[in-house]
Amino acid sequence: MRAWHIVQARVGEAEQDASDLMSRYFFHLRAGESRANPDQTGQHLPGPEAARGAAGRIARQLLAWNLEPVPWPEYQIQVTDEADAVLFEMPLSEAGELVAAVS
């Protein structure tokens, strides 16, 4: 039984080490100049390209849900780093074009 706890501790340490190597990115939903839904948690990802991919998936999911009467094409996902520096913004209208092209 004791060996299992040691293995669990080492796996936990490895996961912590991996998250220490990855940056945390935050995905804020914006409407105009205000943050409609700020991301307080963020996600550990290996780099900016992974963050761009995650933003695209979030945008496509919001559009797929098609929650009325929200004017989704007017929203964008703003991606920031741990220092709250804006890395990029992805308008949901761009993700909508990707959804339409795939459909």
Protein backbone atom coordinates (compact mmCIF):
# COMPACT_ATOMS: atom_id res chain seq x y z
CA MET A 1 0.00 0.00 0.00
CA ARG A 2 2.82 2.38 0.84
CA ALA A 3 4.36 1.95 -2.65
CA TRP A 4 1.10 3.15 -4.25
CA HIS A 5 1.28 6.41 -2.29
CA ILE A 6 4.88 6.93 -3.40
CA VAL A 7 3.87 6.36 -7.05
CA GLN A 8 0.93 8.76 -6.68
CA ALA A 9 3.20 11.39 -5.15
CA ARG A 10 5.73 11.04 -7.96
CA VAL A 11 3.02 11.25 -10.64
CA GLY A 12 1.65 14.34 -8.93
CA GLU A 13 5.14 15.85 -8.87
CA ALA A 14 5.61 15.06 -12.58
CA GLU A 15 2.29 16.71 -13.42
CA GLN A 16 3.28 19.75 -11.36
CA ASP A 17 6.66 19.89 -13.12
CA ALA A 18 4.91 19.77 -16.52
CA SER A 19 2.56 22.60 -15.60
CA ASP A 20 5.55 24.59 -14.32
CA LEU A 21 7.08 24.30 -17.80
CA MET A 22 3.90 25.43 -19.57
CA SER A 23 2.49 28.93 -19.56
CA ARG A 24 -0.99 29.71 -18.33
CA TYR A 25 -3.27 31.36 -20.88
CA PHE A 26 -6.56 33.10 -20.12
CA PHE A 27 -9.52 33.19 -22.53
CA HIS A 28 -11.70 36.24 -21.90
CA LEU A 29 -14.99 36.63 -23.74
CA ARG A 30 -15.29 40.26 -24.82
CA ALA A 31 -18.17 42.32 -26.12
CA GLY A 32 -16.87 45.59 -27.51
CA GLU A 33 -14.47 47.14 -25.03
CA SER A 34 -15.61 45.24 -21.93
CA ARG A 35 -14.93 41.73 -20.70
CA ALA A 36 -18.30 40.03 -20.77
CA ASN A 37 -16.88 36.93 -19.13
CA PRO A 38 -13.35 37.17 -17.74
CA ASP A 39 -11.45 33.90 -17.36
CA GLN A 40 -10.19 33.70 -13.78
CA THR A 41 -8.69 30.20 -14.06
CA GLY A 42 -6.84 29.93 -17.36
CA GLN A 43 -5.27 26.83 -18.89
CA HIS A 44 -1.71 25.55 -18.95
CA LEU A 45 -0.71 25.12 -22.58
CA PRO A 46 2.63 24.49 -24.30
CA GLY A 47 2.68 27.75 -26.27
CA PRO A 48 0.87 30.52 -28.15
CA GLU A 49 -0.13 28.27 -31.06
CA ALA A 50 -1.82 25.87 -28.66
CA ALA A 51 -3.61 28.88 -27.12
CA ARG A 52 -4.76 29.97 -30.59
CA GLY A 53 -6.12 26.48 -31.24
CA ALA A 54 -7.94 26.46 -27.89
CA ALA A 55 -9.45 29.89 -28.63
CA GLY A 56 -10.73 28.58 -31.98
CA ARG A 57 -12.34 25.57 -30.31
CA ILE A 58 -14.00 27.79 -27.69
CA ALA A 59 -15.30 30.16 -30.37
CA ARG A 60 -16.68 27.35 -32.53
CA GLN A 61 -18.42 25.80 -29.51
CA LEU A 62 -20.07 29.10 -28.56
CA LEU A 63 -21.35 29.50 -32.11
CA ALA A 64 -22.54 25.89 -32.24
CA TRP A 65 -24.59 26.40 -29.08
CA ASN A 66 -26.31 29.31 -30.86
CA LEU A 67 -27.69 30.79 -27.63
CA GLU A 68 -30.28 33.41 -28.47
CA PRO A 69 -30.50 36.40 -28.30
CA VAL A 70 -26.72 36.79 -27.90
CA PRO A 71 -25.18 38.53 -30.95
CA TRP A 72 -22.15 36.19 -31.03
CA PRO A 73 -20.56 37.65 -34.19
CA GLU A 74 -20.00 40.87 -32.22
CA TYR A 75 -17.97 39.04 -29.55
CA GLN A 76 -14.33 38.07 -29.52
CA ILE A 77 -12.09 35.89 -27.41
CA GLN A 78 -9.16 37.80 -25.99
CA VAL A 79 -6.21 35.63 -25.01
CA THR A 80 -3.84 36.93 -22.35
CA ASP A 81 -0.82 35.54 -20.56
CA GLU A 82 -0.19 35.36 -16.83
CA ALA A 83 0.86 39.03 -16.76
CA ASP A 84 -2.50 39.96 -18.38
CA ALA A 85 -0.70 41.01 -21.58
CA VAL A 86 -2.97 40.59 -24.61
CA LEU A 87 -1.48 38.04 -27.00
CA PHE A 88 -4.27 38.15 -29.59
CA GLU A 89 -7.99 38.49 -30.09
CA MET A 90 -10.13 36.13 -32.12
CA PRO A 91 -13.46 37.53 -33.34
CA LEU A 92 -16.20 34.92 -33.19
CA SER A 93 -17.16 36.03 -36.69
CA GLU A 94 -13.88 34.50 -37.94
CA ALA A 95 -14.68 31.21 -36.22
CA GLY A 96 -18.16 31.38 -37.79
CA GLU A 97 -16.56 31.54 -41.23
CA LEU A 98 -14.60 28.38 -40.39
CA VAL A 99 -17.75 26.61 -39.20
CA ALA A 100 -19.60 27.60 -42.38
CA ALA A 101 -16.69 26.41 -44.57
CA VAL A 102 -16.64 23.01 -42.85
CA SER A 103 -20.45 22.53 -42.95
